[in-house]
Amino acid sequence: MLREFLKLAVFLAFSLISSTSFAKDKIMIIGDSLSAGYGLEQEQAWVYLLQNKYKQEQSDIEIINTAISGQTTDNAILKIDAWLQAHKPTHVLVELGGNDGIRGFPVKILRKNLTTLVEKSQAAGAKVAVMAIQIPPNLGPRYTKMFADTYKKVTDTTDSYLMPYFMVEIATDKSLMMQDNLHPNAEGQPIIRDFMYREFNTWLKQN
């Protein structure tokens, strides 16, 4: 009887170690056109390129892209419960706010919506990162600063991870931007892929 019990204990321990060792990181991106590959073939977009890089490395990281062009934080709140239930991500990246800022949405609403997205993801068991979006200074320095400061406030209060904005260097190089000066072109996508590869690695090591 004791021998059978020990065999069972060893089997269960091995099963637990095995399942933990091969657990897959599922990163769900909740974003807008910058992650949806606006104006590009999907094969050109940074999310597709990054997933291919992981496949080539035989990494167990899976990217789930729910980004939608034109998406705002309040739009995402309407969909996030269904996304979390369907995909069950281990990690969630919130890449949102650019469309809110361009439309001049109140910063208080932006902060409330971002907080809701983070808390819903955390309640579903996911680790959360929020990308520190920046917007053009069209609406004045006061609004622009309040907008930028919101992201750190959200991550501080929700104990989530603040991820740098992937457009900082690309946005100032016209050769990497589409004619609208808002979206990166095909030449800019591999640069974003490499940036996000480094940032995802840093983030995942902290969890």
C-alpha atoms as a PDB file:
ATOM      1  CA  MET A   1       0.000   0.000   0.000  1.00  0.00           C
ATOM      2  CA  LEU A   2       2.814   2.387   0.933  1.00  0.00           C
ATOM      3  CA  ARG A   3       4.659   1.530  -2.280  1.00  0.00           C
ATOM      4  CA  GLU A   4       1.586   2.334  -4.380  1.00  0.00           C
ATOM      5  CA  PHE A   5       1.108   5.617  -2.523  1.00  0.00           C
ATOM      6  CA  LEU A   6       4.733   6.592  -3.171  1.00  0.00           C
ATOM      7  CA  LYS A   7       4.392   5.740  -6.862  1.00  0.00           C
ATOM      8  CA  LEU A   8       1.296   7.931  -7.084  1.00  0.00           C
ATOM      9  CA  ALA A   9       3.026  10.804  -5.272  1.00  0.00           C
ATOM     10  CA  VAL A  10       6.023  10.624  -7.617  1.00  0.00           C
ATOM     11  CA  PHE A  11       3.723  10.523 -10.661  1.00  0.00           C
ATOM     12  CA  LEU A  12       1.743  13.550  -9.515  1.00  0.00           C
ATOM     13  CA  ALA A  13       4.905  15.507  -8.724  1.00  0.00           C
ATOM     14  CA  PHE A  14       6.361  14.713 -12.147  1.00  0.00           C
ATOM     15  CA  SER A  15       3.108  15.690 -13.846  1.00  0.00           C
ATOM     16  CA  LEU A  16       3.055  19.007 -12.023  1.00  0.00           C
ATOM     17  CA  ILE A  17       6.680  19.756 -12.945  1.00  0.00           C
ATOM     18  CA  SER A  18       6.088  18.764 -16.552  1.00  0.00           C
ATOM     19  CA  SER A  19       2.959  20.875 -16.972  1.00  0.00           C
ATOM     20  CA  THR A  20       4.664  23.865 -15.369  1.00  0.00           C
ATOM     21  CA  SER A  21       7.813  23.493 -17.468  1.00  0.00           C
ATOM     22  CA  PHE A  22       5.880  23.471 -20.712  1.00  0.00           C
ATOM     23  CA  ALA A  23       3.262  26.030 -19.771  1.00  0.00           C
ATOM     24  CA  LYS A  24       2.610  28.418 -22.650  1.00  0.00           C
ATOM     25  CA  ASP A  25       2.668  32.188 -22.263  1.00  0.00           C
ATOM     26  CA  LYS A  26      -0.365  33.566 -24.084  1.00  0.00           C
ATOM     27  CA  ILE A  27      -0.054  37.318 -24.608  1.00  0.00           C
ATOM     28  CA  MET A  28      -3.291  39.007 -25.635  1.00  0.00           C
ATOM     29  CA  ILE A  29      -2.924  42.436 -27.214  1.00  0.00           C
ATOM     30  CA  ILE A  30      -5.803  44.851 -26.754  1.00  0.00           C
ATOM     31  CA  GLY A  31      -4.909  47.625 -29.151  1.00  0.00           C
ATOM     32  CA  ASP A  32      -5.769  49.917 -32.027  1.00  0.00           C
ATOM     33  CA  SER A  33      -4.558  50.401 -35.610  1.00  0.00           C
ATOM     34  CA  LEU A  34      -0.893  50.470 -34.549  1.00  0.00           C
ATOM     35  CA  SER A  35      -1.135  46.806 -33.549  1.00  0.00           C
ATOM     36  CA  ALA A  36      -3.819  45.860 -36.081  1.00  0.00           C
ATOM     37  CA  GLY A  37      -1.494  46.494 -39.032  1.00  0.00           C
ATOM     38  CA  TYR A  38      -3.473  49.362 -40.533  1.00  0.00           C
ATOM     39  CA  GLY A  39      -2.897  49.742 -44.283  1.00  0.00           C
ATOM     40  CA  LEU A  40      -0.714  46.625 -44.485  1.00  0.00           C
ATOM     41  CA  GLU A  41      -0.996  42.956 -45.307  1.00  0.00           C
ATOM     42  CA  GLN A  42      -1.118  40.973 -42.085  1.00  0.00           C
ATOM     43  CA  GLU A  43       2.141  39.258 -43.054  1.00  0.00           C
ATOM     44  CA  GLN A  44       3.841  42.679 -42.917  1.00  0.00           C
ATOM     45  CA  ALA A  45       2.538  43.742 -39.510  1.00  0.00           C
ATOM     46  CA  TRP A  46       4.733  43.623 -36.412  1.00  0.00           C
ATOM     47  CA  VAL A  47       2.509  41.208 -34.478  1.00  0.00           C
ATOM     48  CA  TYR A  48       2.685  38.630 -37.278  1.00  0.00           C
ATOM     49  CA  LEU A  49       6.432  39.173 -37.630  1.00  0.00           C
ATOM     50  CA  LEU A  50       6.987  38.714 -33.910  1.00  0.00           C
ATOM     51  CA  GLN A  51       4.937  35.521 -33.763  1.00  0.00           C
ATOM     52  CA  ASN A  52       7.010  34.176 -36.652  1.00  0.00           C
ATOM     53  CA  LYS A  53      10.178  35.023 -34.735  1.00  0.00           C
ATOM     54  CA  TYR A  54       8.930  33.052 -31.741  1.00  0.00           C
ATOM     55  CA  LYS A  55       8.068  30.107 -34.009  1.00  0.00           C
ATOM     56  CA  GLN A  56      11.547  30.150 -35.536  1.00  0.00           C
ATOM     57  CA  GLU A  57      13.017  30.062 -32.036  1.00  0.00           C
ATOM     58  CA  GLN A  58      10.606  27.246 -31.119  1.00  0.00           C
ATOM     59  CA  SER A  59       9.376  29.431 -28.281  1.00  0.00           C
ATOM     60  CA  ASP A  60       6.117  28.542 -26.551  1.00  0.00           C
ATOM     61  CA  ILE A  61       4.940  32.182 -26.563  1.00  0.00           C
ATOM     62  CA  GLU A  62       1.633  32.720 -28.347  1.00  0.00           C
ATOM     63  CA  ILE A  63       0.349  36.162 -29.322  1.00  0.00           C
ATOM     64  CA  ILE A  64      -3.395  36.725 -29.484  1.00  0.00           C
ATOM     65  CA  ASN A  65      -4.131  39.931 -31.367  1.00  0.00           C
ATOM     66  CA  THR A  66      -7.506  41.558 -30.698  1.00  0.00           C
ATOM     67  CA  ALA A  67      -6.397  44.987 -31.920  1.00  0.00           C
ATOM     68  CA  ILE A  68      -8.940  46.890 -34.011  1.00  0.00           C
ATOM     69  CA  SER A  69      -8.269  50.019 -36.046  1.00  0.00           C
ATOM     70  CA  GLY A  70      -9.981  53.038 -34.499  1.00  0.00           C
ATOM     71  CA  GLN A  71     -10.530  51.319 -31.160  1.00  0.00           C
ATOM     72  CA  THR A  72     -10.876  53.499 -28.075  1.00  0.00           C
ATOM     73  CA  THR A  73     -10.677  52.464 -24.428  1.00  0.00           C
ATOM     74  CA  ASP A  74     -14.459  52.539 -23.999  1.00  0.00           C
ATOM     75  CA  ASN A  75     -14.929  50.334 -27.087  1.00  0.00           C
ATOM     76  CA  ALA A  76     -12.513  47.799 -25.628  1.00  0.00           C
ATOM     77  CA  ILE A  77     -14.378  47.653 -22.317  1.00  0.00           C
ATOM     78  CA  LEU A  78     -17.435  46.381 -24.182  1.00  0.00           C
ATOM     79  CA  LYS A  79     -15.453  43.474 -25.643  1.00  0.00           C
ATOM     80  CA  ILE A  80     -12.825  42.530 -23.073  1.00  0.00           C
ATOM     81  CA  ASP A  81     -14.923  40.084 -21.045  1.00  0.00           C
ATOM     82  CA  ALA A  82     -15.617  37.992 -24.160  1.00  0.00           C
ATOM     83  CA  TRP A  83     -11.956  38.131 -25.212  1.00  0.00           C
ATOM     84  CA  LEU A  84     -10.725  37.029 -21.790  1.00  0.00           C
ATOM     85  CA  GLN A  85     -13.198  34.173 -21.659  1.00  0.00           C
ATOM     86  CA  ALA A  86     -12.445  32.997 -25.194  1.00  0.00           C
ATOM     87  CA  HIS A  87      -8.646  33.198 -25.100  1.00  0.00           C
ATOM     88  CA  LYS A  88      -7.751  32.805 -21.409  1.00  0.00           C
ATOM     89  CA  PRO A  89      -4.464  34.739 -21.734  1.00  0.00           C
ATOM     90  CA  THR A  90      -1.694  34.529 -19.179  1.00  0.00           C
ATOM     91  CA  HIS A  91      -0.640  38.082 -20.077  1.00  0.00           C
ATOM     92  CA  VAL A  92      -2.470  41.110 -21.458  1.00  0.00           C
ATOM     93  CA  LEU A  93      -0.938  44.149 -23.131  1.00  0.00           C
ATOM     94  CA  VAL A  94      -3.176  47.226 -23.274  1.00  0.00           C
ATOM     95  CA  GLU A  95      -2.031  49.365 -26.218  1.00  0.00           C
ATOM     96  CA  LEU A  96      -4.813  51.938 -26.229  1.00  0.00           C
ATOM     97  CA  GLY A  97      -5.515  55.603 -25.738  1.00  0.00           C
ATOM     98  CA  GLY A  98      -4.223  57.140 -28.951  1.00  0.00           C
ATOM     99  CA  ASN A  99      -7.686  57.446 -30.453  1.00  0.00           C
ATOM    100  CA  ASP A 100      -9.053  58.781 -27.167  1.00  0.00           C
ATOM    101  CA  GLY A 101      -6.365  61.460 -27.108  1.00  0.00           C
ATOM    102  CA  ILE A 102      -6.724  62.497 -30.733  1.00  0.00           C
ATOM    103  CA  ARG A 103     -10.439  63.030 -30.101  1.00  0.00           C
ATOM    104  CA  GLY A 104      -9.766  65.009 -26.937  1.00  0.00           C
ATOM    105  CA  PHE A 105     -11.484  62.625 -24.541  1.00  0.00           C
ATOM    106  CA  PRO A 106     -11.272  63.797 -20.900  1.00  0.00           C
ATOM    107  CA  VAL A 107      -8.162  62.421 -19.212  1.00  0.00           C
ATOM    108  CA  LYS A 108     -10.223  61.318 -16.191  1.00  0.00           C
ATOM    109  CA  ILE A 109     -12.280  59.074 -18.483  1.00  0.00           C
ATOM    110  CA  LEU A 110      -9.127  57.686 -20.086  1.00  0.00           C
ATOM    111  CA  ARG A 111      -7.700  56.811 -16.681  1.00  0.00           C
ATOM    112  CA  LYS A 112     -10.945  55.209 -15.540  1.00  0.00           C
ATOM    113  CA  ASN A 113     -11.225  53.119 -18.700  1.00  0.00           C
ATOM    114  CA  LEU A 114      -7.597  51.973 -18.638  1.00  0.00           C
ATOM    115  CA  THR A 115      -7.972  51.015 -14.981  1.00  0.00           C
ATOM    116  CA  THR A 116     -11.078  48.995 -15.803  1.00  0.00           C
ATOM    117  CA  LEU A 117      -9.276  47.135 -18.604  1.00  0.00           C
ATOM    118  CA  VAL A 118      -6.359  46.327 -16.308  1.00  0.00           C
ATOM    119  CA  GLU A 119      -8.520  45.210 -13.401  1.00  0.00           C
ATOM    120  CA  LYS A 120     -10.741  43.006 -15.562  1.00  0.00           C
ATOM    121  CA  SER A 121      -7.641  41.320 -16.996  1.00  0.00           C
ATOM    122  CA  GLN A 122      -6.116  40.834 -13.557  1.00  0.00           C
ATOM    123  CA  ALA A 123      -9.377  39.401 -12.237  1.00  0.00           C
ATOM    124  CA  ALA A 124      -9.184  36.823 -15.037  1.00  0.00           C
ATOM    125  CA  GLY A 125      -5.743  35.792 -13.780  1.00  0.00           C
ATOM    126  CA  ALA A 126      -3.580  37.611 -16.336  1.00  0.00           C
ATOM    127  CA  LYS A 127      -0.456  39.670 -15.765  1.00  0.00           C
ATOM    128  CA  VAL A 128      -0.987  43.099 -17.327  1.00  0.00           C
ATOM    129  CA  ALA A 129       1.203  45.638 -19.091  1.00  0.00           C
ATOM    130  CA  VAL A 130       0.033  49.066 -20.217  1.00  0.00           C
ATOM    131  CA  MET A 131       1.859  50.801 -23.040  1.00  0.00           C
ATOM    132  CA  ALA A 132       2.679  54.460 -22.339  1.00  0.00           C
ATOM    133  CA  ILE A 133       1.012  56.023 -25.377  1.00  0.00           C
ATOM    134  CA  GLN A 134       2.001  59.499 -26.524  1.00  0.00           C
ATOM    135  CA  ILE A 135      -0.003  61.843 -28.741  1.00  0.00           C
ATOM    136  CA  PRO A 136       0.867  64.835 -30.956  1.00  0.00           C
ATOM    137  CA  PRO A 137       0.817  68.213 -29.151  1.00  0.00           C
ATOM    138  CA  ASN A 138      -2.161  69.504 -31.148  1.00  0.00           C
ATOM    139  CA  LEU A 139      -4.391  69.877 -28.092  1.00  0.00           C
ATOM    140  CA  GLY A 140      -1.859  71.915 -26.156  1.00  0.00           C
ATOM    141  CA  PRO A 141       0.921  71.142 -23.666  1.00  0.00           C
ATOM    142  CA  ARG A 142      -1.362  70.882 -20.639  1.00  0.00           C
ATOM    143  CA  TYR A 143      -3.591  68.178 -22.124  1.00  0.00           C
ATOM    144  CA  THR A 144      -0.622  66.370 -23.693  1.00  0.00           C
ATOM    145  CA  LYS A 145       1.203  66.169 -20.358  1.00  0.00           C
ATOM    146  CA  MET A 146      -1.891  65.094 -18.433  1.00  0.00           C
ATOM    147  CA  PHE A 147      -2.504  62.423 -21.062  1.00  0.00           C
ATOM    148  CA  ALA A 148       1.054  61.068 -20.875  1.00  0.00           C
ATOM    149  CA  ASP A 149       1.093  61.104 -17.061  1.00  0.00           C
ATOM    150  CA  THR A 150      -2.092  59.027 -16.928  1.00  0.00           C
ATOM    151  CA  TYR A 151      -0.335  55.804 -17.895  1.00  0.00           C
ATOM    152  CA  LYS A 152       2.096  55.768 -14.987  1.00  0.00           C
ATOM    153  CA  LYS A 153      -0.722  56.664 -12.609  1.00  0.00           C
ATOM    154  CA  VAL A 154      -2.740  53.697 -13.853  1.00  0.00           C
ATOM    155  CA  THR A 155       0.135  51.222 -13.565  1.00  0.00           C
ATOM    156  CA  ASP A 156       1.092  52.540 -10.125  1.00  0.00           C
ATOM    157  CA  THR A 157      -2.421  52.178  -8.735  1.00  0.00           C
ATOM    158  CA  THR A 158      -3.100  48.770 -10.324  1.00  0.00           C
ATOM    159  CA  ASP A 159       0.352  47.253  -9.769  1.00  0.00           C
ATOM    160  CA  SER A 160       0.665  46.580 -13.501  1.00  0.00           C
ATOM    161  CA  TYR A 161       3.680  46.942 -15.793  1.00  0.00           C
ATOM    162  CA  LEU A 162       4.397  50.190 -17.653  1.00  0.00           C
ATOM    163  CA  MET A 163       5.756  49.409 -21.120  1.00  0.00           C
ATOM    164  CA  PRO A 164       7.538  52.053 -23.239  1.00  0.00           C
ATOM    165  CA  TYR A 165       5.832  53.360 -26.364  1.00  0.00           C
ATOM    166  CA  PHE A 166       6.994  51.597 -29.516  1.00  0.00           C
ATOM    167  CA  MET A 167       6.448  54.628 -31.768  1.00  0.00           C
ATOM    168  CA  VAL A 168       8.800  57.149 -30.140  1.00  0.00           C
ATOM    169  CA  GLU A 169      11.685  56.787 -32.573  1.00  0.00           C
ATOM    170  CA  ILE A 170       9.677  55.669 -35.600  1.00  0.00           C
ATOM    171  CA  ALA A 171       7.213  58.584 -35.516  1.00  0.00           C
ATOM    172  CA  THR A 172       9.998  61.104 -36.119  1.00  0.00           C
ATOM    173  CA  ASP A 173      11.389  59.275 -39.171  1.00  0.00           C
ATOM    174  CA  LYS A 174       9.238  59.998 -42.234  1.00  0.00           C
ATOM    175  CA  SER A 175      10.819  57.116 -44.142  1.00  0.00           C
ATOM    176  CA  LEU A 176       9.174  54.729 -41.649  1.00  0.00           C
ATOM    177  CA  MET A 177       5.732  56.356 -41.664  1.00  0.00           C
ATOM    178  CA  MET A 178       2.753  56.289 -44.009  1.00  0.00           C
ATOM    179  CA  GLN A 179       1.653  59.494 -45.698  1.00  0.00           C
ATOM    180  CA  ASP A 180      -0.846  60.181 -42.906  1.00  0.00           C
ATOM    181  CA  ASN A 181       2.086  60.577 -40.468  1.00  0.00           C
ATOM    182  CA  LEU A 182       0.144  58.495 -37.944  1.00  0.00           C
ATOM    183  CA  HIS A 183       0.870  54.893 -38.894  1.00  0.00           C
ATOM    184  CA  PRO A 184       4.155  53.049 -39.446  1.00  0.00           C
ATOM    185  CA  ASN A 185       4.711  51.649 -42.923  1.00  0.00           C
ATOM    186  CA  ALA A 186       6.034  48.213 -43.879  1.00  0.00           C
ATOM    187  CA  GLU A 187       9.635  49.336 -43.344  1.00  0.00           C
ATOM    188  CA  GLY A 188       8.836  50.335 -39.782  1.00  0.00           C
ATOM    189  CA  GLN A 189       7.228  47.027 -38.798  1.00  0.00           C
ATOM    190  CA  PRO A 190      10.414  44.967 -38.307  1.00  0.00           C
ATOM    191  CA  ILE A 191      11.770  47.749 -36.085  1.00  0.00           C
ATOM    192  CA  ILE A 192       8.656  47.531 -33.916  1.00  0.00           C
ATOM    193  CA  ARG A 193       8.938  43.730 -33.897  1.00  0.00           C
ATOM    194  CA  ASP A 194      12.468  43.912 -32.541  1.00  0.00           C
ATOM    195  CA  PHE A 195      11.488  46.563 -29.987  1.00  0.00           C
ATOM    196  CA  MET A 196       8.556  44.486 -28.754  1.00  0.00           C
ATOM    197  CA  TYR A 197      10.664  41.307 -28.701  1.00  0.00           C
ATOM    198  CA  ARG A 198      13.008  42.981 -26.221  1.00  0.00           C
ATOM    199  CA  GLU A 199      10.180  44.539 -24.212  1.00  0.00           C
ATOM    200  CA  PHE A 200       8.164  41.322 -23.997  1.00  0.00           C
ATOM    201  CA  ASN A 201      11.267  39.434 -22.838  1.00  0.00           C
ATOM    202  CA  THR A 202      11.885  42.019 -20.114  1.00  0.00           C
ATOM    203  CA  TRP A 203       8.253  41.951 -19.009  1.00  0.00           C
ATOM    204  CA  LEU A 204       7.921  38.151 -18.985  1.00  0.00           C
ATOM    205  CA  LYS A 205      11.085  37.769 -16.893  1.00  0.00           C
ATOM    206  CA  GLN A 206       9.477  39.900 -14.185  1.00  0.00           C
ATOM    207  CA  ASN A 207       6.475  37.577 -13.898  1.00  0.00           C
END
